[in-house]
Amino acid sequence: MSGFEVIAAGVLSLLQDRGRFGQSALGLTTGGAMDAPSARWANRLLGNDYGAPLIECSVGGLQLRTNTSSYIAVTGAELPLSINGKAAELWTVHKVQPGDVIELGMVSQGLRAYLAASGGFAVTPQFGSVSTVLREGIGGLKGNKLQSGDVLAAQPVNQLPRLSLPLAYRPQFNRVLTLRLVEGYQADSFPVTERQRFYLNSYKVTPQADRMGYKLTGTAIHSQQSQLLSEGICYGAVQIPPDGQPIVLLNDRQTLGGYPKIGSVLSLDCALLAQAVAGTELYFTPISPEQAHNALCLAKVRTDAITSQLVSL
């Protein structure tokens, strides 16, 4: 099989795409790349469909051996990238040949890196997606994380423009974040003083942070209702359990929940949160649905404009 062989899978490497939609009624969560903009850039640099299957490598340590002619791009968290022991630039298209060894070191900024290959990895979808969700044992290769000896099929590609995203347009993963939040109907169950406390004080990311959600610590806030009837949970929902410490629910969240939710974090900011390590300081700020819509539209316009300025090597 032509493609890429996993020599070492690193701390946690998963096959992901844009996610699994329309399956919540079956109890299946969305999954998908945690830092969706970085994942899309990896595919965009290679001319792939933006949702083509790629590898999400958390923390680092991934090593692959190529057994085909192809091109790769690595985006997302800051980490050392080498091909055959020679340092290679992130956010840049690189040609690889049979026998080449690709190695991702350990992250120095951010948490998750994305490795895409030209044409995307050929993986059979399950319920419309290849996204791996370990809790559900679905997606990827037999519902599991990548392991040494796995082979990821990919079509040979002999000619492709070598593009690079200029440094000025690459994201910065800061240790202080402001998350924009659209309040939901349950926000009314939080007294005005509790909501003010929520927005005025900072929170920190705890070690209890994974693909399911980020548990925060800081000033506790409380709802007039400690538990509600279970209902569907959207991406970015901020639920407040009885201890008053917020949890931001992300890609692998459960499909139903009964804790009060003060609102939902804008998807653009969820992607930044997904790159936040323990100890990162967070602030929440309220925005309207109209402001959220405008922010998403502006982000698309900006991405399209940057695409026209990609550097050809």
Protein backbone atom coordinates (compact mmCIF):
# COMPACT_ATOMS: atom_id res chain seq x y z
CA MET A 1 0.00 0.00 0.00
CA SER A 2 1.45 3.37 -1.00
CA GLY A 3 1.35 6.05 1.66
CA PHE A 4 2.91 6.70 5.06
CA GLU A 5 3.95 4.22 7.75
CA VAL A 6 3.80 5.23 11.42
CA ILE A 7 7.18 4.66 13.06
CA ALA A 8 6.20 6.32 16.34
CA ALA A 9 2.76 7.72 17.11
CA GLY A 10 3.85 10.30 19.67
CA VAL A 11 1.77 11.28 22.68
CA LEU A 12 -1.60 11.23 20.87
CA SER A 13 -2.07 11.23 17.12
CA LEU A 14 -5.54 10.91 15.60
CA LEU A 15 -6.96 10.95 12.11
CA GLN A 16 -9.40 13.85 11.80
CA ASP A 17 -11.38 15.78 9.21
CA ARG A 18 -14.03 18.49 9.47
CA GLY A 19 -16.16 16.33 11.78
CA ARG A 20 -19.21 14.09 11.89
CA PHE A 21 -22.46 16.04 11.51
CA GLY A 22 -26.12 15.02 11.67
CA GLN A 23 -25.50 11.96 13.84
CA SER A 24 -26.33 13.32 17.31
CA ALA A 25 -29.63 11.42 17.36
CA LEU A 26 -27.50 8.25 17.37
CA GLY A 27 -25.47 9.56 20.30
CA LEU A 28 -22.43 10.23 18.10
CA THR A 29 -20.54 13.44 18.79
CA THR A 30 -18.98 15.72 16.16
CA GLY A 31 -15.26 15.06 16.56
CA GLY A 32 -13.08 16.76 13.96
CA ALA A 33 -9.91 18.82 14.17
CA MET A 34 -9.77 20.78 17.44
CA ASP A 35 -7.99 23.74 15.80
CA ALA A 36 -10.06 23.80 12.64
CA PRO A 37 -8.41 26.90 11.07
CA SER A 38 -4.92 25.37 11.36
CA ALA A 39 -6.19 22.07 9.94
CA ARG A 40 -7.82 23.89 7.02
CA TRP A 41 -4.57 25.73 6.30
CA ALA A 42 -2.64 22.46 6.13
CA ASN A 43 -5.05 21.23 3.46
CA ARG A 44 -5.31 24.59 1.73
CA LEU A 45 -1.54 24.83 1.26
CA LEU A 46 -1.64 21.47 -0.52
CA GLY A 47 -4.68 22.28 -2.65
CA ASN A 48 -6.79 19.65 -0.86
CA ASP A 49 -10.45 19.93 0.01
CA TYR A 50 -10.43 21.79 3.32
CA GLY A 51 -11.96 18.78 5.10
CA ALA A 52 -9.56 16.15 3.71
CA PRO A 53 -8.39 13.60 6.32
CA LEU A 54 -5.18 14.56 8.13
CA ILE A 55 -3.34 13.80 11.36
CA GLU A 56 -3.87 15.77 14.55
CA CYS A 57 -0.76 15.31 16.68
CA SER A 58 -1.15 16.45 20.29
CA VAL A 59 2.02 17.43 22.21
CA GLY A 60 4.30 15.94 19.52
CA GLY A 61 6.53 12.95 18.95
CA LEU A 62 5.04 11.66 15.67
CA GLN A 63 7.37 9.91 13.20
CA LEU A 64 6.36 8.70 9.74
CA ARG A 65 8.18 6.89 6.95
CA THR A 66 7.10 7.70 3.40
CA ASN A 67 6.76 4.92 0.83
CA THR A 68 5.37 7.07 -1.98
CA SER A 69 6.08 10.34 -3.77
CA SER A 70 3.99 13.03 -2.13
CA TYR A 71 3.89 16.45 -0.50
CA ILE A 72 3.17 17.34 3.11
CA ALA A 73 2.42 20.43 5.18
CA VAL A 74 2.47 20.82 8.98
CA THR A 75 0.57 23.63 10.70
CA GLY A 76 -0.77 24.44 14.16
CA ALA A 77 1.36 24.33 17.29
CA GLU A 78 4.99 25.43 17.22
CA LEU A 79 7.29 22.40 17.22
CA PRO A 80 10.43 21.17 15.42
CA LEU A 81 9.75 19.52 12.05
CA SER A 82 12.46 17.52 10.30
CA ILE A 83 12.66 15.43 7.13
CA ASN A 84 15.51 12.91 7.16
CA GLY A 85 16.97 14.74 10.16
CA LYS A 86 17.05 18.10 8.37
CA ALA A 87 14.98 20.94 9.84
CA ALA A 88 11.97 21.93 7.75
CA GLU A 89 9.67 24.94 7.92
CA LEU A 90 6.16 24.75 9.35
CA TRP A 91 3.20 26.16 7.37
CA THR A 92 5.07 25.20 4.19
CA VAL A 93 4.65 22.53 1.50
CA HIS A 94 7.49 19.98 1.38
CA LYS A 95 8.14 17.24 -1.18
CA VAL A 96 8.78 13.74 0.21
CA GLN A 97 10.06 10.62 -1.54
CA PRO A 98 9.96 6.90 -0.70
CA GLY A 99 12.14 6.18 2.33
CA ASP A 100 11.98 9.71 3.75
CA VAL A 101 11.43 9.97 7.51
CA ILE A 102 9.24 12.80 8.80
CA GLU A 103 9.57 13.70 12.47
CA LEU A 104 7.58 16.10 14.65
CA GLY A 105 9.32 17.09 17.88
CA MET A 106 7.61 18.25 21.07
CA VAL A 107 5.52 21.43 21.14
CA SER A 108 6.95 24.69 22.49
CA GLN A 109 3.87 26.85 21.85
CA GLY A 110 0.34 25.59 21.45
CA LEU A 111 -0.71 21.99 21.89
CA ARG A 112 -1.85 20.43 18.59
CA ALA A 113 -0.14 20.21 15.20
CA TYR A 114 -1.68 19.08 11.91
CA LEU A 115 0.07 17.02 9.26
CA ALA A 116 -1.64 16.80 5.88
CA ALA A 117 -0.57 14.96 2.73
CA SER A 118 -1.42 15.91 -0.84
CA GLY A 119 -4.83 14.46 -1.71
CA GLY A 120 -5.52 13.62 1.93
CA PHE A 121 -5.14 10.23 3.62
CA ALA A 122 -7.39 7.56 2.11
CA VAL A 123 -9.46 6.32 5.04
CA THR A 124 -12.93 4.75 4.91
CA PRO A 125 -15.46 7.10 6.56
CA GLN A 126 -17.84 5.94 9.28
CA PHE A 127 -21.15 7.77 9.53
CA GLY A 128 -19.90 10.35 7.05
CA SER A 129 -16.53 11.13 8.59
CA VAL A 130 -13.10 9.66 9.36
CA SER A 131 -12.83 11.68 12.59
CA THR A 132 -11.54 9.54 15.44
CA VAL A 133 -13.49 9.65 18.71
CA LEU A 134 -11.78 7.29 21.14
CA ARG A 135 -14.65 7.25 23.63
CA GLU A 136 -17.01 5.97 20.93
CA GLY A 137 -14.42 3.76 19.20
CA ILE A 138 -15.31 5.25 15.85
CA GLY A 139 -13.42 6.75 12.93
CA GLY A 140 -9.72 6.61 12.09
CA LEU A 141 -8.26 3.13 11.80
CA LYS A 142 -10.65 0.81 13.66
CA GLY A 143 -11.70 3.62 16.00
CA ASN A 144 -8.26 3.85 17.57
CA LYS A 145 -5.42 6.33 17.86
CA LEU A 146 -2.48 5.87 15.52
CA GLN A 147 0.03 3.23 16.55
CA SER A 148 3.45 2.10 15.38
CA GLY A 149 3.13 -0.01 12.24
CA ASP A 150 -0.08 1.64 11.00
CA VAL A 151 -0.03 2.52 7.30
CA LEU A 152 -1.96 5.50 6.00
CA ALA A 153 -2.79 5.15 2.33
CA ALA A 154 -2.24 8.14 0.04
CA GLN A 155 -2.21 8.58 -3.71
CA PRO A 156 1.20 9.31 -5.31
CA VAL A 157 1.64 12.95 -6.34
CA ASN A 158 4.67 13.96 -8.37
CA GLN A 159 4.10 17.65 -9.01
CA LEU A 160 2.60 20.31 -6.75
CA PRO A 161 3.31 24.01 -6.16
CA ARG A 162 5.43 24.56 -3.05
CA LEU A 163 3.55 27.21 -1.12
CA SER A 164 4.24 28.79 2.26
CA LEU A 165 2.10 30.91 4.56
CA PRO A 166 4.04 34.10 5.46
CA LEU A 167 5.05 34.36 9.11
CA ALA A 168 2.91 37.47 9.66
CA TYR A 169 -0.27 35.47 8.99
CA ARG A 170 0.48 32.49 11.21
CA PRO A 171 -1.48 32.34 14.48
CA GLN A 172 0.10 33.22 17.80
CA PHE A 173 -0.79 30.97 20.73
CA ASN A 174 -0.78 33.28 23.72
CA ARG A 175 -0.86 32.49 27.44
CA VAL A 176 -3.73 34.96 27.90
CA LEU A 177 -6.92 34.56 25.85
CA THR A 178 -10.21 36.43 25.59
CA LEU A 179 -13.07 34.17 24.56
CA ARG A 180 -16.11 35.76 22.92
CA LEU A 181 -19.34 34.24 24.20
CA VAL A 182 -22.92 34.36 22.89
CA GLU A 183 -25.30 34.04 25.82
CA GLY A 184 -28.07 31.45 25.58
CA TYR A 185 -31.54 31.35 27.05
CA GLN A 186 -30.24 29.72 30.23
CA ALA A 187 -28.15 32.82 30.98
CA ASP A 188 -31.31 34.23 32.56
CA SER A 189 -31.00 31.63 35.31
CA PHE A 190 -27.77 33.31 36.46
CA PRO A 191 -28.36 36.43 38.60
CA VAL A 192 -26.92 39.67 37.19
CA THR A 193 -24.22 39.73 39.89
CA GLU A 194 -23.11 36.20 38.93
CA ARG A 195 -22.85 37.14 35.27
CA GLN A 196 -20.84 40.24 36.13
CA ARG A 197 -18.52 38.12 38.26
CA PHE A 198 -18.11 35.71 35.32
CA TYR A 199 -17.04 38.46 32.91
CA LEU A 200 -14.93 40.53 35.32
CA ASN A 201 -12.72 37.74 36.66
CA SER A 202 -10.15 35.57 34.93
CA TYR A 203 -10.03 31.77 34.77
CA LYS A 204 -7.20 29.34 34.17
CA VAL A 205 -7.05 26.16 32.13
CA THR A 206 -6.65 23.15 34.43
CA PRO A 207 -4.91 19.85 33.58
CA GLN A 208 -8.45 18.46 33.17
CA ALA A 209 -8.56 19.56 29.54
CA ASP A 210 -8.96 17.26 26.55
CA ARG A 211 -10.85 16.87 23.30
CA MET A 212 -14.13 16.57 25.21
CA GLY A 213 -13.82 19.86 27.04
CA TYR A 214 -11.70 22.26 29.08
CA LYS A 215 -12.30 22.46 32.83
CA LEU A 216 -11.43 25.92 34.15
CA THR A 217 -10.67 27.21 37.61
CA GLY A 218 -11.33 30.65 39.04
CA THR A 219 -14.14 32.61 40.64
CA ALA A 220 -17.09 30.27 41.05
CA ILE A 221 -20.47 31.38 39.71
CA HIS A 222 -23.82 29.83 40.46
CA SER A 223 -27.15 29.48 38.73
CA GLN A 224 -30.52 29.64 40.41
CA GLN A 225 -30.96 26.11 39.02
CA SER A 226 -28.23 23.58 39.68
CA GLN A 227 -29.52 20.97 37.25
CA LEU A 228 -31.96 20.93 34.36
CA LEU A 229 -33.55 18.35 32.11
CA SER A 230 -30.94 16.98 29.72
CA GLU A 231 -30.82 18.65 26.32
CA GLY A 232 -28.53 18.78 23.30
CA ILE A 233 -25.17 20.46 23.78
CA CYS A 234 -23.64 22.65 21.09
CA TYR A 235 -19.98 23.17 20.28
CA GLY A 236 -18.40 25.70 22.64
CA ALA A 237 -21.14 25.49 25.27
CA VAL A 238 -20.00 26.77 28.68
CA GLN A 239 -21.67 24.64 31.31
CA ILE A 240 -21.57 25.44 35.00
CA PRO A 241 -21.64 22.36 37.28
CA PRO A 242 -22.53 22.60 41.00
CA ASP A 243 -18.95 23.60 41.97
CA GLY A 244 -19.38 26.79 39.91
CA GLN A 245 -16.24 26.22 37.81
CA PRO A 246 -16.93 26.59 34.06
CA ILE A 247 -16.36 23.79 31.55
CA VAL A 248 -16.06 24.70 27.86
CA LEU A 249 -17.32 21.74 25.83
CA LEU A 250 -15.51 21.04 22.58
CA ASN A 251 -15.35 18.56 19.69
CA ASP A 252 -15.73 15.25 21.55
CA ARG A 253 -18.35 16.56 24.01
CA GLN A 254 -21.26 14.38 25.09
CA THR A 255 -24.40 14.94 23.00
CA LEU A 256 -26.69 15.59 26.01
CA GLY A 257 -26.26 17.38 29.33
CA GLY A 258 -28.29 18.81 32.18
CA TYR A 259 -26.06 21.42 33.83
CA PRO A 260 -26.93 25.10 33.28
CA LYS A 261 -25.11 26.72 30.35
CA ILE A 262 -24.41 30.44 30.39
CA GLY A 263 -23.70 30.56 26.65
CA SER A 264 -21.43 29.33 23.88
CA VAL A 265 -17.93 30.41 22.89
CA LEU A 266 -17.43 31.60 19.31
CA SER A 267 -15.99 28.79 17.18
CA LEU A 268 -12.97 30.90 16.18
CA ASP A 269 -12.05 31.24 19.85
CA CYS A 270 -12.71 27.56 20.58
CA ALA A 271 -9.91 26.81 18.12
CA LEU A 272 -7.53 29.05 20.10
CA LEU A 273 -8.66 27.44 23.35
CA ALA A 274 -7.86 24.03 21.86
CA GLN A 275 -4.22 25.15 21.64
CA ALA A 276 -4.14 26.36 25.26
CA VAL A 277 -2.03 24.46 27.77
CA ALA A 278 -2.71 24.14 31.51
CA GLY A 279 -2.21 27.47 33.25
CA THR A 280 -3.35 29.60 30.33
CA GLU A 281 -5.33 32.61 31.60
CA LEU A 282 -8.79 33.20 30.11
CA TYR A 283 -11.32 36.00 30.09
CA PHE A 284 -14.86 35.84 28.73
CA THR A 285 -16.57 38.74 26.96
CA PRO A 286 -20.20 38.77 25.75
CA ILE A 287 -21.07 39.36 22.10
CA SER A 288 -24.37 39.32 20.24
CA PRO A 289 -25.32 36.72 17.60
CA GLU A 290 -24.94 39.46 14.99
CA GLN A 291 -21.40 40.22 16.16
CA ALA A 292 -20.58 36.50 16.06
CA HIS A 293 -21.89 36.29 12.50
CA ASN A 294 -19.82 39.31 11.47
CA ALA A 295 -16.68 37.86 13.06
CA LEU A 296 -17.08 34.61 11.11
CA CYS A 297 -17.68 36.48 7.84
CA LEU A 298 -14.63 38.69 8.41
CA ALA A 299 -12.48 35.65 9.21
CA LYS A 300 -13.49 34.04 5.91
CA VAL A 301 -12.75 37.21 3.96
CA ARG A 302 -9.37 37.50 5.67
CA THR A 303 -8.50 33.85 4.94
CA ASP A 304 -9.43 34.27 1.27
CA ALA A 305 -7.30 37.42 1.08
CA ILE A 306 -4.31 35.71 2.71
CA THR A 307 -4.63 32.76 0.33
CA SER A 308 -3.93 35.11 -2.58
CA GLN A 309 -0.68 36.13 -0.85
CA LEU A 310 0.78 32.67 -0.29
CA VAL A 311 4.48 32.58 -1.15
CA SER A 312 5.63 30.20 -3.88
CA LEU A 313 9.01 28.60 -3.15
